[in-house]
Amino acid sequence: MSVEDINPRAAWDALRQDADAVLIDVRTDAEWNFVGLAELAEAGKQPILIPWQLYPSMQVNGAFADHLRKAGLTPLNKLYFMCRSGARSLAAAQAAQAAGFPNAFNVADGFEGPPDIEGHRGQVAGWKAEGLPWRQR
Protein backbone atom coordinates (compact mmCIF):
# COMPACT_ATOMS: atom_id res chain seq x y z
CA MET A 1 0.00 0.00 0.00
CA SER A 2 1.31 3.45 -0.79
CA VAL A 3 0.35 6.85 0.54
CA GLU A 4 -1.36 9.18 -1.90
CA ASP A 5 -0.32 12.83 -2.06
CA ILE A 6 -3.30 15.18 -1.85
CA ASN A 7 -3.01 18.89 -2.57
CA PRO A 8 -4.03 21.20 0.28
CA ARG A 9 -7.23 22.40 -1.42
CA ALA A 10 -8.43 18.81 -2.00
CA ALA A 11 -7.66 18.01 1.65
CA TRP A 12 -9.64 21.08 2.76
CA ASP A 13 -12.60 20.01 0.58
CA ALA A 14 -12.48 16.47 2.04
CA LEU A 15 -12.36 17.85 5.59
CA ARG A 16 -15.45 19.96 4.92
CA GLN A 17 -17.43 17.25 3.10
CA ASP A 18 -16.54 14.01 4.89
CA ALA A 19 -17.42 13.52 8.56
CA ASP A 20 -14.77 10.77 8.78
CA ALA A 21 -11.95 13.00 7.47
CA VAL A 22 -9.49 14.42 9.99
CA LEU A 23 -6.39 16.58 9.69
CA ILE A 24 -3.41 15.43 11.72
CA ASP A 25 -0.70 18.05 12.03
CA VAL A 26 2.57 16.22 12.72
CA ARG A 27 4.82 19.26 13.18
CA THR A 28 6.46 20.13 16.49
CA ASP A 29 5.06 22.14 19.39
CA ALA A 30 7.35 25.01 18.39
CA GLU A 31 5.91 25.06 14.86
CA TRP A 32 2.31 24.99 16.11
CA ASN A 33 3.05 27.82 18.54
CA PHE A 34 5.13 30.10 16.33
CA VAL A 35 4.14 29.36 12.72
CA GLY A 36 0.39 28.74 13.02
CA LEU A 37 -2.25 26.07 12.54
CA ALA A 38 -4.89 25.17 9.98
CA GLU A 39 -8.20 26.69 11.09
CA LEU A 40 -10.93 24.09 10.58
CA ALA A 41 -13.88 25.82 12.32
CA GLU A 42 -15.72 26.16 8.99
CA ALA A 43 -15.53 22.36 8.70
CA GLY A 44 -16.68 21.96 12.32
CA LYS A 45 -13.37 20.37 13.27
CA GLN A 46 -10.05 20.98 14.97
CA PRO A 47 -6.70 19.70 13.72
CA ILE A 48 -5.34 16.80 15.74
CA LEU A 49 -1.85 17.69 16.95
CA ILE A 50 0.49 14.69 17.19
CA PRO A 51 4.19 15.35 16.57
CA TRP A 52 5.99 12.90 14.31
CA GLN A 53 9.31 14.01 15.80
CA LEU A 54 9.85 15.29 19.31
CA TYR A 55 11.38 18.74 19.73
CA PRO A 56 14.21 19.53 20.40
CA SER A 57 15.86 16.12 19.90
CA MET A 58 13.85 15.46 16.70
CA GLN A 59 13.69 11.77 17.58
CA VAL A 60 10.79 9.97 15.92
CA ASN A 61 7.80 9.76 18.27
CA GLY A 62 7.81 6.06 19.18
CA ALA A 63 4.25 6.32 20.52
CA PHE A 64 2.86 7.90 17.33
CA ALA A 65 0.43 5.06 16.47
CA ASP A 66 -0.73 4.91 20.10
CA HIS A 67 -1.45 8.64 19.99
CA LEU A 68 -3.61 8.12 16.88
CA ARG A 69 -5.65 5.53 18.75
CA LYS A 70 -5.84 7.67 21.92
CA ALA A 71 -7.21 10.51 19.75
CA GLY A 72 -10.15 8.21 18.97
CA LEU A 73 -9.17 7.50 15.39
CA THR A 74 -10.11 4.20 13.75
CA PRO A 75 -9.33 2.45 10.46
CA LEU A 76 -12.57 3.98 9.11
CA ASN A 77 -11.25 7.54 9.40
CA LYS A 78 -9.66 9.28 6.44
CA LEU A 79 -6.44 10.68 7.89
CA TYR A 80 -4.86 13.69 6.20
CA PHE A 81 -1.33 14.20 7.52
CA MET A 82 0.34 17.61 7.28
CA CYS A 83 3.75 18.94 8.27
CA ARG A 84 5.75 21.96 7.10
CA SER A 85 6.52 20.79 3.57
CA GLY A 86 5.19 17.23 3.12
CA ALA A 87 8.18 15.07 4.10
CA ARG A 88 7.48 14.26 7.76
CA SER A 89 3.78 13.88 7.01
CA LEU A 90 4.55 11.29 4.34
CA ALA A 91 6.57 9.25 6.87
CA ALA A 92 3.76 9.64 9.44
CA ALA A 93 1.13 8.52 6.93
CA GLN A 94 3.22 5.48 6.01
CA ALA A 95 3.55 4.61 9.71
CA ALA A 96 -0.20 5.03 10.16
CA GLN A 97 -0.89 2.63 7.31
CA ALA A 98 1.54 0.12 8.81
CA ALA A 99 -0.31 0.48 12.15
CA GLY A 100 -3.67 -0.41 10.61
CA PHE A 101 -5.01 2.92 9.35
CA PRO A 102 -5.45 2.24 5.62
CA ASN A 103 -6.95 5.61 4.65
CA ALA A 104 -3.85 7.75 5.23
CA PHE A 105 -3.05 10.64 2.89
CA ASN A 106 -0.15 13.09 2.70
CA VAL A 107 -1.00 16.77 2.29
CA ALA A 108 1.52 17.63 -0.43
CA ASP A 109 3.61 20.75 0.27
CA GLY A 110 2.32 20.81 3.86
CA PHE A 111 1.49 23.97 5.78
CA GLU A 112 4.22 26.21 4.37
CA GLY A 113 5.53 24.49 1.24
CA PRO A 114 9.01 24.89 -0.23
CA PRO A 115 11.05 28.07 0.14
CA ASP A 116 10.83 30.76 -2.53
CA ILE A 117 13.95 32.18 -4.21
CA GLU A 118 14.60 34.34 -1.14
CA GLY A 119 14.32 31.35 1.20
CA HIS A 120 10.91 32.26 2.64
CA ARG A 121 8.21 29.63 3.07
CA GLY A 122 4.46 30.07 2.73
CA GLN A 123 4.51 31.88 -0.62
CA VAL A 124 5.04 29.15 -3.25
CA ALA A 125 2.80 26.22 -2.31
CA GLY A 126 1.13 24.60 0.68
CA TRP A 127 -1.85 25.32 2.93
CA LYS A 128 -0.95 28.98 3.56
CA ALA A 129 -0.03 29.76 -0.06
CA GLU A 130 -3.37 28.27 -1.19
CA GLY A 131 -5.13 30.87 0.95
CA LEU A 132 -6.78 28.23 3.13
CA PRO A 133 -7.88 29.20 6.65
CA TRP A 134 -5.19 29.30 9.31
CA ARG A 135 -4.49 31.07 12.56
CA GLN A 136 -1.75 31.93 14.99
CA ARG A 137 -1.99 29.98 18.21
C-alpha atoms as a PDB file:
ATOM      1  CA  MET A   1       0.000   0.000   0.000  1.00  0.00           C
ATOM      2  CA  SER A   2       1.312   3.451  -0.794  1.00  0.00           C
ATOM      3  CA  VAL A   3       0.353   6.848   0.545  1.00  0.00           C
ATOM      4  CA  GLU A   4      -1.360   9.181  -1.898  1.00  0.00           C
ATOM      5  CA  ASP A   5      -0.315  12.826  -2.058  1.00  0.00           C
ATOM      6  CA  ILE A   6      -3.303  15.180  -1.853  1.00  0.00           C
ATOM      7  CA  ASN A   7      -3.011  18.888  -2.574  1.00  0.00           C
ATOM      8  CA  PRO A   8      -4.032  21.197   0.283  1.00  0.00           C
ATOM      9  CA  ARG A   9      -7.234  22.399  -1.416  1.00  0.00           C
ATOM     10  CA  ALA A  10      -8.427  18.812  -2.004  1.00  0.00           C
ATOM     11  CA  ALA A  11      -7.660  18.007   1.648  1.00  0.00           C
ATOM     12  CA  TRP A  12      -9.643  21.078   2.757  1.00  0.00           C
ATOM     13  CA  ASP A  13     -12.595  20.010   0.580  1.00  0.00           C
ATOM     14  CA  ALA A  14     -12.476  16.474   2.042  1.00  0.00           C
ATOM     15  CA  LEU A  15     -12.356  17.852   5.585  1.00  0.00           C
ATOM     16  CA  ARG A  16     -15.451  19.958   4.922  1.00  0.00           C
ATOM     17  CA  GLN A  17     -17.432  17.253   3.098  1.00  0.00           C
ATOM     18  CA  ASP A  18     -16.541  14.005   4.886  1.00  0.00           C
ATOM     19  CA  ALA A  19     -17.418  13.520   8.559  1.00  0.00           C
ATOM     20  CA  ASP A  20     -14.765  10.769   8.781  1.00  0.00           C
ATOM     21  CA  ALA A  21     -11.954  12.998   7.475  1.00  0.00           C
ATOM     22  CA  VAL A  22      -9.493  14.420   9.990  1.00  0.00           C
ATOM     23  CA  LEU A  23      -6.387  16.581   9.690  1.00  0.00           C
ATOM     24  CA  ILE A  24      -3.407  15.434  11.720  1.00  0.00           C
ATOM     25  CA  ASP A  25      -0.699  18.053  12.033  1.00  0.00           C
ATOM     26  CA  VAL A  26       2.573  16.225  12.724  1.00  0.00           C
ATOM     27  CA  ARG A  27       4.825  19.264  13.175  1.00  0.00           C
ATOM     28  CA  THR A  28       6.464  20.129  16.492  1.00  0.00           C
ATOM     29  CA  ASP A  29       5.064  22.141  19.394  1.00  0.00           C
ATOM     30  CA  ALA A  30       7.347  25.007  18.390  1.00  0.00           C
ATOM     31  CA  GLU A  31       5.910  25.062  14.859  1.00  0.00           C
ATOM     32  CA  TRP A  32       2.314  24.986  16.113  1.00  0.00           C
ATOM     33  CA  ASN A  33       3.052  27.821  18.543  1.00  0.00           C
ATOM     34  CA  PHE A  34       5.133  30.098  16.329  1.00  0.00           C
ATOM     35  CA  VAL A  35       4.137  29.359  12.717  1.00  0.00           C
ATOM     36  CA  GLY A  36       0.390  28.741  13.021  1.00  0.00           C
ATOM     37  CA  LEU A  37      -2.253  26.070  12.544  1.00  0.00           C
ATOM     38  CA  ALA A  38      -4.886  25.171   9.975  1.00  0.00           C
ATOM     39  CA  GLU A  39      -8.203  26.685  11.088  1.00  0.00           C
ATOM     40  CA  LEU A  40     -10.930  24.089  10.584  1.00  0.00           C
ATOM     41  CA  ALA A  41     -13.878  25.819  12.319  1.00  0.00           C
ATOM     42  CA  GLU A  42     -15.715  26.157   8.994  1.00  0.00           C
ATOM     43  CA  ALA A  43     -15.525  22.356   8.700  1.00  0.00           C
ATOM     44  CA  GLY A  44     -16.683  21.963  12.317  1.00  0.00           C
ATOM     45  CA  LYS A  45     -13.369  20.367  13.269  1.00  0.00           C
ATOM     46  CA  GLN A  46     -10.052  20.977  14.973  1.00  0.00           C
ATOM     47  CA  PRO A  47      -6.702  19.704  13.723  1.00  0.00           C
ATOM     48  CA  ILE A  48      -5.342  16.800  15.742  1.00  0.00           C
ATOM     49  CA  LEU A  49      -1.852  17.690  16.951  1.00  0.00           C
ATOM     50  CA  ILE A  50       0.491  14.692  17.191  1.00  0.00           C
ATOM     51  CA  PRO A  51       4.189  15.354  16.570  1.00  0.00           C
ATOM     52  CA  TRP A  52       5.992  12.899  14.306  1.00  0.00           C
ATOM     53  CA  GLN A  53       9.310  14.005  15.798  1.00  0.00           C
ATOM     54  CA  LEU A  54       9.847  15.292  19.306  1.00  0.00           C
ATOM     55  CA  TYR A  55      11.385  18.737  19.726  1.00  0.00           C
ATOM     56  CA  PRO A  56      14.215  19.531  20.403  1.00  0.00           C
ATOM     57  CA  SER A  57      15.863  16.124  19.897  1.00  0.00           C
ATOM     58  CA  MET A  58      13.853  15.462  16.704  1.00  0.00           C
ATOM     59  CA  GLN A  59      13.688  11.774  17.581  1.00  0.00           C
ATOM     60  CA  VAL A  60      10.785   9.971  15.918  1.00  0.00           C
ATOM     61  CA  ASN A  61       7.804   9.756  18.266  1.00  0.00           C
ATOM     62  CA  GLY A  62       7.807   6.057  19.184  1.00  0.00           C
ATOM     63  CA  ALA A  63       4.251   6.323  20.522  1.00  0.00           C
ATOM     64  CA  PHE A  64       2.856   7.895  17.331  1.00  0.00           C
ATOM     65  CA  ALA A  65       0.431   5.060  16.470  1.00  0.00           C
ATOM     66  CA  ASP A  66      -0.726   4.905  20.102  1.00  0.00           C
ATOM     67  CA  HIS A  67      -1.446   8.645  19.986  1.00  0.00           C
ATOM     68  CA  LEU A  68      -3.606   8.122  16.884  1.00  0.00           C
ATOM     69  CA  ARG A  69      -5.651   5.527  18.751  1.00  0.00           C
ATOM     70  CA  LYS A  70      -5.844   7.672  21.918  1.00  0.00           C
ATOM     71  CA  ALA A  71      -7.210  10.507  19.746  1.00  0.00           C
ATOM     72  CA  GLY A  72     -10.153   8.209  18.967  1.00  0.00           C
ATOM     73  CA  LEU A  73      -9.166   7.499  15.387  1.00  0.00           C
ATOM     74  CA  THR A  74     -10.112   4.202  13.754  1.00  0.00           C
ATOM     75  CA  PRO A  75      -9.328   2.454  10.457  1.00  0.00           C
ATOM     76  CA  LEU A  76     -12.569   3.978   9.106  1.00  0.00           C
ATOM     77  CA  ASN A  77     -11.252   7.541   9.399  1.00  0.00           C
ATOM     78  CA  LYS A  78      -9.662   9.278   6.445  1.00  0.00           C
ATOM     79  CA  LEU A  79      -6.436  10.677   7.889  1.00  0.00           C
ATOM     80  CA  TYR A  80      -4.858  13.690   6.199  1.00  0.00           C
ATOM     81  CA  PHE A  81      -1.331  14.197   7.522  1.00  0.00           C
ATOM     82  CA  MET A  82       0.337  17.605   7.283  1.00  0.00           C
ATOM     83  CA  CYS A  83       3.753  18.943   8.273  1.00  0.00           C
ATOM     84  CA  ARG A  84       5.751  21.961   7.102  1.00  0.00           C
ATOM     85  CA  SER A  85       6.518  20.786   3.569  1.00  0.00           C
ATOM     86  CA  GLY A  86       5.185  17.234   3.124  1.00  0.00           C
ATOM     87  CA  ALA A  87       8.180  15.067   4.099  1.00  0.00           C
ATOM     88  CA  ARG A  88       7.479  14.263   7.762  1.00  0.00           C
ATOM     89  CA  SER A  89       3.779  13.883   7.013  1.00  0.00           C
ATOM     90  CA  LEU A  90       4.548  11.286   4.344  1.00  0.00           C
ATOM     91  CA  ALA A  91       6.569   9.255   6.873  1.00  0.00           C
ATOM     92  CA  ALA A  92       3.762   9.643   9.438  1.00  0.00           C
ATOM     93  CA  ALA A  93       1.126   8.517   6.927  1.00  0.00           C
ATOM     94  CA  GLN A  94       3.219   5.478   6.014  1.00  0.00           C
ATOM     95  CA  ALA A  95       3.555   4.610   9.708  1.00  0.00           C
ATOM     96  CA  ALA A  96      -0.201   5.034  10.162  1.00  0.00           C
ATOM     97  CA  GLN A  97      -0.887   2.632   7.305  1.00  0.00           C
ATOM     98  CA  ALA A  98       1.535   0.123   8.809  1.00  0.00           C
ATOM     99  CA  ALA A  99      -0.311   0.483  12.152  1.00  0.00           C
ATOM    100  CA  GLY A 100      -3.669  -0.411  10.609  1.00  0.00           C
ATOM    101  CA  PHE A 101      -5.012   2.919   9.354  1.00  0.00           C
ATOM    102  CA  PRO A 102      -5.452   2.236   5.615  1.00  0.00           C
ATOM    103  CA  ASN A 103      -6.952   5.612   4.650  1.00  0.00           C
ATOM    104  CA  ALA A 104      -3.854   7.749   5.226  1.00  0.00           C
ATOM    105  CA  PHE A 105      -3.054  10.643   2.890  1.00  0.00           C
ATOM    106  CA  ASN A 106      -0.152  13.089   2.704  1.00  0.00           C
ATOM    107  CA  VAL A 107      -0.997  16.774   2.285  1.00  0.00           C
ATOM    108  CA  ALA A 108       1.521  17.629  -0.428  1.00  0.00           C
ATOM    109  CA  ASP A 109       3.609  20.746   0.265  1.00  0.00           C
ATOM    110  CA  GLY A 110       2.317  20.810   3.860  1.00  0.00           C
ATOM    111  CA  PHE A 111       1.490  23.967   5.779  1.00  0.00           C
ATOM    112  CA  GLU A 112       4.221  26.213   4.368  1.00  0.00           C
ATOM    113  CA  GLY A 113       5.533  24.488   1.236  1.00  0.00           C
ATOM    114  CA  PRO A 114       9.010  24.892  -0.230  1.00  0.00           C
ATOM    115  CA  PRO A 115      11.046  28.068   0.144  1.00  0.00           C
ATOM    116  CA  ASP A 116      10.834  30.757  -2.531  1.00  0.00           C
ATOM    117  CA  ILE A 117      13.946  32.178  -4.210  1.00  0.00           C
ATOM    118  CA  GLU A 118      14.601  34.339  -1.145  1.00  0.00           C
ATOM    119  CA  GLY A 119      14.322  31.350   1.203  1.00  0.00           C
ATOM    120  CA  HIS A 120      10.914  32.256   2.640  1.00  0.00           C
ATOM    121  CA  ARG A 121       8.213  29.627   3.070  1.00  0.00           C
ATOM    122  CA  GLY A 122       4.461  30.074   2.728  1.00  0.00           C
ATOM    123  CA  GLN A 123       4.506  31.876  -0.622  1.00  0.00           C
ATOM    124  CA  VAL A 124       5.039  29.155  -3.252  1.00  0.00           C
ATOM    125  CA  ALA A 125       2.799  26.215  -2.309  1.00  0.00           C
ATOM    126  CA  GLY A 126       1.128  24.598   0.678  1.00  0.00           C
ATOM    127  CA  TRP A 127      -1.846  25.323   2.927  1.00  0.00           C
ATOM    128  CA  LYS A 128      -0.952  28.980   3.562  1.00  0.00           C
ATOM    129  CA  ALA A 129      -0.035  29.759  -0.060  1.00  0.00           C
ATOM    130  CA  GLU A 130      -3.374  28.269  -1.191  1.00  0.00           C
ATOM    131  CA  GLY A 131      -5.127  30.868   0.953  1.00  0.00           C
ATOM    132  CA  LEU A 132      -6.775  28.230   3.126  1.00  0.00           C
ATOM    133  CA  PRO A 133      -7.875  29.203   6.648  1.00  0.00           C
ATOM    134  CA  TRP A 134      -5.194  29.299   9.313  1.00  0.00           C
ATOM    135  CA  ARG A 135      -4.491  31.069  12.562  1.00  0.00           C
ATOM    136  CA  GLN A 136      -1.750  31.926  14.986  1.00  0.00           C
ATOM    137  CA  ARG A 137      -1.992  29.982  18.210  1.00  0.00           C
END
